[in-house]
């Protein structure tokens, strides 16, 4: 079995007197998509920013490929080949699609010191994400679906082993969601590990190998889509009677 790319061990996070995450353990292995779902306020966003190094847990530890990174900041974790997207778009609006990706490639080359060809890397990501025809468009003029795809592309050009996606399907139409699904599943074929925080349950159930459900800061259930979909506690806390496909 593959060793985890990232592992959370008994993570507890408090803000003032409020416990946002309570003794949460979760691991993500290479070559798969791990869904992180739950109702608003469940602790998903908090665990996400703990993974990125933006918040240090009160208790517990975070490991990247077996290395304790609990006290590492975001820039050091990025250098260990972690990348993320944002729920609220964080693109360089006045730059073109090409320059958004190229800028990320050049930043990566600056800290990786591997003499990578930023132009070639940018071209490869444009092709892989289907953004080639939009390369010269300004980022702030893109429709939401393409803007979210650009965020994924910009993360990919940093050559991560672990990709954290924060609601990448928000605002996407059906066709755009299908394209995103195909892209993400193709990326895992190359061994990339993905953490997917998402409210589109059809997408989650279709592409995730493992799903962790949080509720009130605690793990309610971890299992494959079929197990999660049938779990009565999950249905009561989050899924309700909505029909979702597997």
C-alpha atoms as a PDB file:
ATOM      1  CA  UNK A   1       0.000   0.000   0.000  1.00  0.00           C
ATOM      2  CA  UNK A   2       1.260   3.504  -0.818  1.00  0.00           C
ATOM      3  CA  UNK A   3       2.548   5.612   2.066  1.00  0.00           C
ATOM      4  CA  UNK A   4       0.432   8.730   2.709  1.00  0.00           C
ATOM      5  CA  UNK A   5       1.341  11.955   0.934  1.00  0.00           C
ATOM      6  CA  UNK A   6      -0.219  13.854   3.810  1.00  0.00           C
ATOM      7  CA  UNK A   7      -1.360  12.579   7.156  1.00  0.00           C
ATOM      8  CA  UNK A   8      -3.265  14.378   9.903  1.00  0.00           C
ATOM      9  CA  UNK A   9      -2.856  12.837  13.350  1.00  0.00           C
ATOM     10  CA  UNK A  10      -5.353  13.834  16.017  1.00  0.00           C
ATOM     11  CA  UNK A  11      -5.570  17.447  14.836  1.00  0.00           C
ATOM     12  CA  UNK A  12      -7.299  19.860  17.211  1.00  0.00           C
ATOM     13  CA  UNK A  13      -7.772  23.541  16.394  1.00  0.00           C
ATOM     14  CA  UNK A  14      -9.409  26.153  18.586  1.00  0.00           C
ATOM     15  CA  UNK A  15     -10.300  29.775  17.931  1.00  0.00           C
ATOM     16  CA  UNK A  16     -10.863  31.499  21.239  1.00  0.00           C
ATOM     17  CA  UNK A  17     -13.187  29.207  23.134  1.00  0.00           C
ATOM     18  CA  UNK A  18     -14.495  27.450  20.016  1.00  0.00           C
ATOM     19  CA  UNK A  19     -13.146  24.069  18.938  1.00  0.00           C
ATOM     20  CA  UNK A  20     -13.237  24.098  15.125  1.00  0.00           C
ATOM     21  CA  UNK A  21     -11.511  20.721  14.629  1.00  0.00           C
ATOM     22  CA  UNK A  22     -11.473  18.055  17.315  1.00  0.00           C
ATOM     23  CA  UNK A  23      -8.957  15.159  17.166  1.00  0.00           C
ATOM     24  CA  UNK A  24      -9.268  14.659  13.414  1.00  0.00           C
ATOM     25  CA  UNK A  25      -7.126  12.006  11.726  1.00  0.00           C
ATOM     26  CA  UNK A  26      -7.009  11.561   7.953  1.00  0.00           C
ATOM     27  CA  UNK A  27      -4.496  10.414   5.357  1.00  0.00           C
ATOM     28  CA  UNK A  28      -4.227  10.884   1.598  1.00  0.00           C
ATOM     29  CA  UNK A  29      -2.277   8.492  -0.625  1.00  0.00           C
ATOM     30  CA  UNK A  30      -0.750   9.070  -4.081  1.00  0.00           C
ATOM     31  CA  UNK A  31      -2.802   8.440  -7.189  1.00  0.00           C
ATOM     32  CA  UNK A  32      -6.233   9.160  -5.813  1.00  0.00           C
ATOM     33  CA  UNK A  33      -8.768  11.858  -4.953  1.00  0.00           C
ATOM     34  CA  UNK A  34      -9.761  12.160  -1.306  1.00  0.00           C
ATOM     35  CA  UNK A  35     -12.993  14.059  -0.785  1.00  0.00           C
ATOM     36  CA  UNK A  36     -13.505  16.226   2.297  1.00  0.00           C
ATOM     37  CA  UNK A  37     -17.173  17.068   2.776  1.00  0.00           C
ATOM     38  CA  UNK A  38     -19.627  18.158   5.422  1.00  0.00           C
ATOM     39  CA  UNK A  39     -22.097  20.896   6.311  1.00  0.00           C
ATOM     40  CA  UNK A  40     -21.078  24.515   6.748  1.00  0.00           C
ATOM     41  CA  UNK A  41     -19.070  24.922   9.927  1.00  0.00           C
ATOM     42  CA  UNK A  42     -18.010  21.281   9.951  1.00  0.00           C
ATOM     43  CA  UNK A  43     -14.288  22.118  10.034  1.00  0.00           C
ATOM     44  CA  UNK A  44     -13.370  21.511   6.388  1.00  0.00           C
ATOM     45  CA  UNK A  45     -11.855  24.929   5.760  1.00  0.00           C
ATOM     46  CA  UNK A  46      -9.974  24.826   9.042  1.00  0.00           C
ATOM     47  CA  UNK A  47      -8.421  21.451   8.247  1.00  0.00           C
ATOM     48  CA  UNK A  48      -7.592  22.748   4.762  1.00  0.00           C
ATOM     49  CA  UNK A  49      -5.637  25.730   6.094  1.00  0.00           C
ATOM     50  CA  UNK A  50      -3.925  23.505   8.655  1.00  0.00           C
ATOM     51  CA  UNK A  51      -2.738  21.387   5.712  1.00  0.00           C
ATOM     52  CA  UNK A  52      -1.377  24.513   4.006  1.00  0.00           C
ATOM     53  CA  UNK A  53       0.424  25.711   7.124  1.00  0.00           C
ATOM     54  CA  UNK A  54      -1.641  28.875   7.574  1.00  0.00           C
ATOM     55  CA  UNK A  55      -2.888  27.742  10.997  1.00  0.00           C
ATOM     56  CA  UNK A  56      -0.969  25.696  13.532  1.00  0.00           C
ATOM     57  CA  UNK A  57      -3.056  23.144  15.441  1.00  0.00           C
ATOM     58  CA  UNK A  58      -3.355  23.328  19.212  1.00  0.00           C
ATOM     59  CA  UNK A  59      -2.719  19.583  19.308  1.00  0.00           C
ATOM     60  CA  UNK A  60      -1.804  16.863  16.854  1.00  0.00           C
ATOM     61  CA  UNK A  61       0.611  16.733  13.933  1.00  0.00           C
ATOM     62  CA  UNK A  62       0.740  16.996  10.138  1.00  0.00           C
ATOM     63  CA  UNK A  63       3.086  14.783   8.113  1.00  0.00           C
ATOM     64  CA  UNK A  64       4.088  15.145   4.462  1.00  0.00           C
ATOM     65  CA  UNK A  65       5.433  11.872   3.110  1.00  0.00           C
ATOM     66  CA  UNK A  66       6.433  10.858   6.612  1.00  0.00           C
ATOM     67  CA  UNK A  67       8.019  14.189   7.555  1.00  0.00           C
ATOM     68  CA  UNK A  68       6.596  16.214  10.440  1.00  0.00           C
ATOM     69  CA  UNK A  69       5.701  19.623   8.963  1.00  0.00           C
ATOM     70  CA  UNK A  70       3.411  20.831  11.747  1.00  0.00           C
ATOM     71  CA  UNK A  71       5.558  23.890  12.415  1.00  0.00           C
ATOM     72  CA  UNK A  72       6.450  24.605   8.788  1.00  0.00           C
ATOM     73  CA  UNK A  73       5.025  27.671   7.049  1.00  0.00           C
ATOM     74  CA  UNK A  74       3.212  27.611   3.689  1.00  0.00           C
ATOM     75  CA  UNK A  75       6.284  28.507   1.598  1.00  0.00           C
ATOM     76  CA  UNK A  76       8.283  25.587   3.010  1.00  0.00           C
ATOM     77  CA  UNK A  77       5.424  23.172   2.388  1.00  0.00           C
ATOM     78  CA  UNK A  78       5.151  24.409  -1.203  1.00  0.00           C
ATOM     79  CA  UNK A  79       8.789  23.479  -1.668  1.00  0.00           C
ATOM     80  CA  UNK A  80       7.886  19.978  -0.532  1.00  0.00           C
ATOM     81  CA  UNK A  81       5.599  19.864  -3.592  1.00  0.00           C
ATOM     82  CA  UNK A  82       2.268  20.877  -2.161  1.00  0.00           C
ATOM     83  CA  UNK A  83      -0.020  23.243  -4.116  1.00  0.00           C
ATOM     84  CA  UNK A  84      -3.510  24.617  -3.583  1.00  0.00           C
ATOM     85  CA  UNK A  85      -6.349  26.575  -5.156  1.00  0.00           C
ATOM     86  CA  UNK A  86      -8.634  29.059  -3.432  1.00  0.00           C
ATOM     87  CA  UNK A  87     -12.372  29.168  -2.823  1.00  0.00           C
ATOM     88  CA  UNK A  88     -12.297  32.868  -3.687  1.00  0.00           C
ATOM     89  CA  UNK A  89     -10.378  33.302  -6.936  1.00  0.00           C
ATOM     90  CA  UNK A  90      -6.855  34.642  -6.389  1.00  0.00           C
ATOM     91  CA  UNK A  91      -5.665  35.173  -9.950  1.00  0.00           C
ATOM     92  CA  UNK A  92      -3.452  37.963 -11.302  1.00  0.00           C
ATOM     93  CA  UNK A  93      -6.370  39.695 -12.975  1.00  0.00           C
ATOM     94  CA  UNK A  94      -4.486  42.051 -15.303  1.00  0.00           C
ATOM     95  CA  UNK A  95      -2.206  39.289 -16.574  1.00  0.00           C
ATOM     96  CA  UNK A  96      -3.054  36.902 -19.392  1.00  0.00           C
ATOM     97  CA  UNK A  97      -3.822  33.240 -18.850  1.00  0.00           C
ATOM     98  CA  UNK A  98      -0.357  32.435 -20.172  1.00  0.00           C
ATOM     99  CA  UNK A  99       1.370  34.927 -17.883  1.00  0.00           C
ATOM    100  CA  UNK A 100      -0.530  33.715 -14.819  1.00  0.00           C
ATOM    101  CA  UNK A 101       0.809  30.221 -15.385  1.00  0.00           C
ATOM    102  CA  UNK A 102       4.255  31.400 -16.483  1.00  0.00           C
ATOM    103  CA  UNK A 103       4.622  33.539 -13.349  1.00  0.00           C
ATOM    104  CA  UNK A 104       3.911  30.537 -11.134  1.00  0.00           C
ATOM    105  CA  UNK A 105       6.418  28.480 -13.147  1.00  0.00           C
ATOM    106  CA  UNK A 106       9.103  31.126 -12.682  1.00  0.00           C
ATOM    107  CA  UNK A 107       8.452  31.412  -8.955  1.00  0.00           C
ATOM    108  CA  UNK A 108       8.798  27.653  -8.673  1.00  0.00           C
ATOM    109  CA  UNK A 109      12.054  27.653 -10.630  1.00  0.00           C
ATOM    110  CA  UNK A 110      13.376  30.311  -8.261  1.00  0.00           C
ATOM    111  CA  UNK A 111      13.080  28.082  -5.217  1.00  0.00           C
ATOM    112  CA  UNK A 112      13.481  24.684  -6.859  1.00  0.00           C
ATOM    113  CA  UNK A 113      16.831  25.553  -8.505  1.00  0.00           C
ATOM    114  CA  UNK A 114      16.285  22.819 -11.098  1.00  0.00           C
ATOM    115  CA  UNK A 115      16.768  24.973 -14.241  1.00  0.00           C
ATOM    116  CA  UNK A 116      13.355  23.934 -15.553  1.00  0.00           C
ATOM    117  CA  UNK A 117      12.128  25.469 -18.826  1.00  0.00           C
ATOM    118  CA  UNK A 118       9.289  27.740 -17.707  1.00  0.00           C
ATOM    119  CA  UNK A 119       8.013  28.294 -21.243  1.00  0.00           C
ATOM    120  CA  UNK A 120       7.818  24.587 -21.942  1.00  0.00           C
ATOM    121  CA  UNK A 121       6.206  23.880 -18.566  1.00  0.00           C
ATOM    122  CA  UNK A 122       3.606  26.591 -19.214  1.00  0.00           C
ATOM    123  CA  UNK A 123       2.821  25.235 -22.674  1.00  0.00           C
ATOM    124  CA  UNK A 124       2.409  21.711 -21.315  1.00  0.00           C
ATOM    125  CA  UNK A 125      -0.049  22.853 -18.651  1.00  0.00           C
ATOM    126  CA  UNK A 126      -2.004  24.934 -21.172  1.00  0.00           C
ATOM    127  CA  UNK A 127      -2.411  21.853 -23.328  1.00  0.00           C
ATOM    128  CA  UNK A 128      -3.302  19.558 -20.462  1.00  0.00           C
ATOM    129  CA  UNK A 129      -5.957  21.855 -19.043  1.00  0.00           C
ATOM    130  CA  UNK A 130      -7.431  22.836 -22.399  1.00  0.00           C
ATOM    131  CA  UNK A 131      -6.602  26.519 -21.926  1.00  0.00           C
ATOM    132  CA  UNK A 132      -4.414  26.898 -25.015  1.00  0.00           C
ATOM    133  CA  UNK A 133      -7.027  28.877 -26.961  1.00  0.00           C
ATOM    134  CA  UNK A 134      -7.414  31.259 -24.007  1.00  0.00           C
ATOM    135  CA  UNK A 135      -3.696  31.849 -23.494  1.00  0.00           C
ATOM    136  CA  UNK A 136      -3.813  35.535 -24.458  1.00  0.00           C
ATOM    137  CA  UNK A 137      -7.005  36.411 -22.576  1.00  0.00           C
ATOM    138  CA  UNK A 138      -6.800  38.558 -19.460  1.00  0.00           C
ATOM    139  CA  UNK A 139      -7.597  36.525 -16.352  1.00  0.00           C
ATOM    140  CA  UNK A 140     -10.162  39.022 -15.056  1.00  0.00           C
ATOM    141  CA  UNK A 141     -12.163  38.663 -18.265  1.00  0.00           C
ATOM    142  CA  UNK A 142     -12.611  34.916 -18.020  1.00  0.00           C
ATOM    143  CA  UNK A 143     -15.945  33.354 -17.088  1.00  0.00           C
ATOM    144  CA  UNK A 144     -15.964  31.649 -13.694  1.00  0.00           C
ATOM    145  CA  UNK A 145     -15.478  28.147 -15.049  1.00  0.00           C
ATOM    146  CA  UNK A 146     -12.344  29.024 -16.996  1.00  0.00           C
ATOM    147  CA  UNK A 147     -11.005  31.160 -14.150  1.00  0.00           C
ATOM    148  CA  UNK A 148     -11.244  28.200 -11.778  1.00  0.00           C
ATOM    149  CA  UNK A 149      -9.547  26.000 -14.349  1.00  0.00           C
ATOM    150  CA  UNK A 150      -6.768  28.590 -14.585  1.00  0.00           C
ATOM    151  CA  UNK A 151      -6.254  28.363 -10.825  1.00  0.00           C
ATOM    152  CA  UNK A 152      -5.819  24.608 -11.180  1.00  0.00           C
ATOM    153  CA  UNK A 153      -3.406  25.135 -14.077  1.00  0.00           C
ATOM    154  CA  UNK A 154      -1.354  27.616 -12.093  1.00  0.00           C
ATOM    155  CA  UNK A 155      -1.094  25.132  -9.231  1.00  0.00           C
ATOM    156  CA  UNK A 156      -0.132  22.295 -11.584  1.00  0.00           C
ATOM    157  CA  UNK A 157       2.789  24.160 -13.139  1.00  0.00           C
ATOM    158  CA  UNK A 158       4.517  24.092  -9.740  1.00  0.00           C
ATOM    159  CA  UNK A 159       4.759  20.296 -10.212  1.00  0.00           C
ATOM    160  CA  UNK A 160       3.076  19.230  -6.969  1.00  0.00           C
ATOM    161  CA  UNK A 161       2.828  15.755  -5.542  1.00  0.00           C
ATOM    162  CA  UNK A 162      -0.167  16.867  -3.473  1.00  0.00           C
ATOM    163  CA  UNK A 163      -2.884  19.205  -4.750  1.00  0.00           C
ATOM    164  CA  UNK A 164      -5.435  20.801  -2.408  1.00  0.00           C
ATOM    165  CA  UNK A 165      -8.585  21.999  -4.183  1.00  0.00           C
ATOM    166  CA  UNK A 166     -11.032  24.298  -2.402  1.00  0.00           C
ATOM    167  CA  UNK A 167     -14.434  24.066  -4.129  1.00  0.00           C
ATOM    168  CA  UNK A 168     -13.076  24.036  -7.698  1.00  0.00           C
ATOM    169  CA  UNK A 169     -16.499  23.270  -9.175  1.00  0.00           C
ATOM    170  CA  UNK A 170     -18.257  26.283  -7.631  1.00  0.00           C
ATOM    171  CA  UNK A 171     -19.955  28.259 -10.390  1.00  0.00           C
ATOM    172  CA  UNK A 172     -19.202  25.699 -13.112  1.00  0.00           C
ATOM    173  CA  UNK A 173     -21.854  24.547 -15.559  1.00  0.00           C
ATOM    174  CA  UNK A 174     -22.415  20.876 -16.365  1.00  0.00           C
ATOM    175  CA  UNK A 175     -19.995  20.796 -19.295  1.00  0.00           C
ATOM    176  CA  UNK A 176     -17.262  22.570 -17.317  1.00  0.00           C
ATOM    177  CA  UNK A 177     -17.756  20.196 -14.394  1.00  0.00           C
ATOM    178  CA  UNK A 178     -17.366  17.197 -16.687  1.00  0.00           C
ATOM    179  CA  UNK A 179     -14.150  18.676 -18.082  1.00  0.00           C
ATOM    180  CA  UNK A 180     -12.823  19.262 -14.546  1.00  0.00           C
ATOM    181  CA  UNK A 181     -13.725  15.701 -13.575  1.00  0.00           C
ATOM    182  CA  UNK A 182     -11.842  14.296 -16.553  1.00  0.00           C
ATOM    183  CA  UNK A 183      -8.794  16.467 -15.837  1.00  0.00           C
ATOM    184  CA  UNK A 184      -8.587  15.501 -12.164  1.00  0.00           C
ATOM    185  CA  UNK A 185      -8.961  11.794 -12.835  1.00  0.00           C
ATOM    186  CA  UNK A 186      -6.237  12.009 -15.482  1.00  0.00           C
ATOM    187  CA  UNK A 187      -3.897  13.731 -13.026  1.00  0.00           C
ATOM    188  CA  UNK A 188      -4.218  10.922 -10.504  1.00  0.00           C
ATOM    189  CA  UNK A 189      -3.090   8.471 -13.182  1.00  0.00           C
ATOM    190  CA  UNK A 190       0.294  10.209 -12.937  1.00  0.00           C
ATOM    191  CA  UNK A 191       0.443   9.570  -9.183  1.00  0.00           C
ATOM    192  CA  UNK A 192      -0.807  12.966  -8.002  1.00  0.00           C
ATOM    193  CA  UNK A 193      -2.702  12.950  -4.721  1.00  0.00           C
ATOM    194  CA  UNK A 194      -5.670  15.328  -4.472  1.00  0.00           C
ATOM    195  CA  UNK A 195      -7.683  16.615  -1.520  1.00  0.00           C
ATOM    196  CA  UNK A 196     -11.043  17.861  -2.771  1.00  0.00           C
ATOM    197  CA  UNK A 197     -13.232  20.127  -0.640  1.00  0.00           C
ATOM    198  CA  UNK A 198     -16.454  20.363  -2.606  1.00  0.00           C
ATOM    199  CA  UNK A 199     -20.233  20.767  -2.248  1.00  0.00           C
ATOM    200  CA  UNK A 200     -21.094  19.203  -5.624  1.00  0.00           C
ATOM    201  CA  UNK A 201     -21.988  15.756  -4.318  1.00  0.00           C
ATOM    202  CA  UNK A 202     -22.427  14.188  -7.731  1.00  0.00           C
ATOM    203  CA  UNK A 203     -18.855  15.164  -8.595  1.00  0.00           C
ATOM    204  CA  UNK A 204     -17.508  13.987  -5.241  1.00  0.00           C
ATOM    205  CA  UNK A 205     -19.259  10.621  -5.443  1.00  0.00           C
ATOM    206  CA  UNK A 206     -18.107  10.046  -9.021  1.00  0.00           C
ATOM    207  CA  UNK A 207     -14.403  10.848  -8.777  1.00  0.00           C
ATOM    208  CA  UNK A 208     -13.302  10.336  -5.166  1.00  0.00           C
ATOM    209  CA  UNK A 209     -11.713   7.070  -4.124  1.00  0.00           C
ATOM    210  CA  UNK A 210     -12.104   7.878  -0.421  1.00  0.00           C
ATOM    211  CA  UNK A 211     -14.337  10.430   1.307  1.00  0.00           C
ATOM    212  CA  UNK A 212     -14.025  11.861   4.802  1.00  0.00           C
ATOM    213  CA  UNK A 213     -17.139  13.478   6.234  1.00  0.00           C
ATOM    214  CA  UNK A 214     -16.716  16.087   8.952  1.00  0.00           C
ATOM    215  CA  UNK A 215     -19.467  17.280  11.242  1.00  0.00           C
ATOM    216  CA  UNK A 216     -19.085  19.717  14.127  1.00  0.00           C
ATOM    217  CA  UNK A 217     -15.307  19.438  13.917  1.00  0.00           C
ATOM    218  CA  UNK A 218     -15.122  15.666  14.115  1.00  0.00           C
ATOM    219  CA  UNK A 219     -14.827  12.816  11.626  1.00  0.00           C
ATOM    220  CA  UNK A 220     -18.276  11.397  11.098  1.00  0.00           C
ATOM    221  CA  UNK A 221     -17.281   8.811   8.488  1.00  0.00           C
ATOM    222  CA  UNK A 222     -14.401   7.821   6.235  1.00  0.00           C
ATOM    223  CA  UNK A 223     -14.995   5.336   3.453  1.00  0.00           C
ATOM    224  CA  UNK A 224     -15.560   4.829  -0.243  1.00  0.00           C
ATOM    225  CA  UNK A 225     -18.446   6.659  -1.960  1.00  0.00           C
ATOM    226  CA  UNK A 226     -20.833   3.729  -1.607  1.00  0.00           C
ATOM    227  CA  UNK A 227     -20.173   3.423   2.119  1.00  0.00           C
ATOM    228  CA  UNK A 228     -20.537   7.148   2.717  1.00  0.00           C
ATOM    229  CA  UNK A 229     -23.704   7.435   0.676  1.00  0.00           C
ATOM    230  CA  UNK A 230     -25.439   4.692   2.683  1.00  0.00           C
ATOM    231  CA  UNK A 231     -24.289   5.773   6.133  1.00  0.00           C
ATOM    232  CA  UNK A 232     -27.294   6.859   8.190  1.00  0.00           C
ATOM    233  CA  UNK A 233     -25.300   9.328  10.287  1.00  0.00           C
ATOM    234  CA  UNK A 234     -23.995  11.019   7.134  1.00  0.00           C
ATOM    235  CA  UNK A 235     -27.449  11.117   5.590  1.00  0.00           C
ATOM    236  CA  UNK A 236     -28.860  12.699   8.720  1.00  0.00           C
ATOM    237  CA  UNK A 237     -26.088  15.262   9.141  1.00  0.00           C
ATOM    238  CA  UNK A 238     -25.420  16.249   5.530  1.00  0.00           C
ATOM    239  CA  UNK A 239     -26.678  14.309   2.530  1.00  0.00           C
ATOM    240  CA  UNK A 240     -30.320  14.192   3.574  1.00  0.00           C
ATOM    241  CA  UNK A 241     -32.624  12.570   1.036  1.00  0.00           C
ATOM    242  CA  UNK A 242     -30.916  14.124  -2.002  1.00  0.00           C
ATOM    243  CA  UNK A 243     -30.176  11.701  -4.792  1.00  0.00           C
ATOM    244  CA  UNK A 244     -26.506  11.510  -5.677  1.00  0.00           C
ATOM    245  CA  UNK A 245     -24.977   9.128  -8.156  1.00  0.00           C
ATOM    246  CA  UNK A 246     -21.979   6.896  -7.561  1.00  0.00           C
END
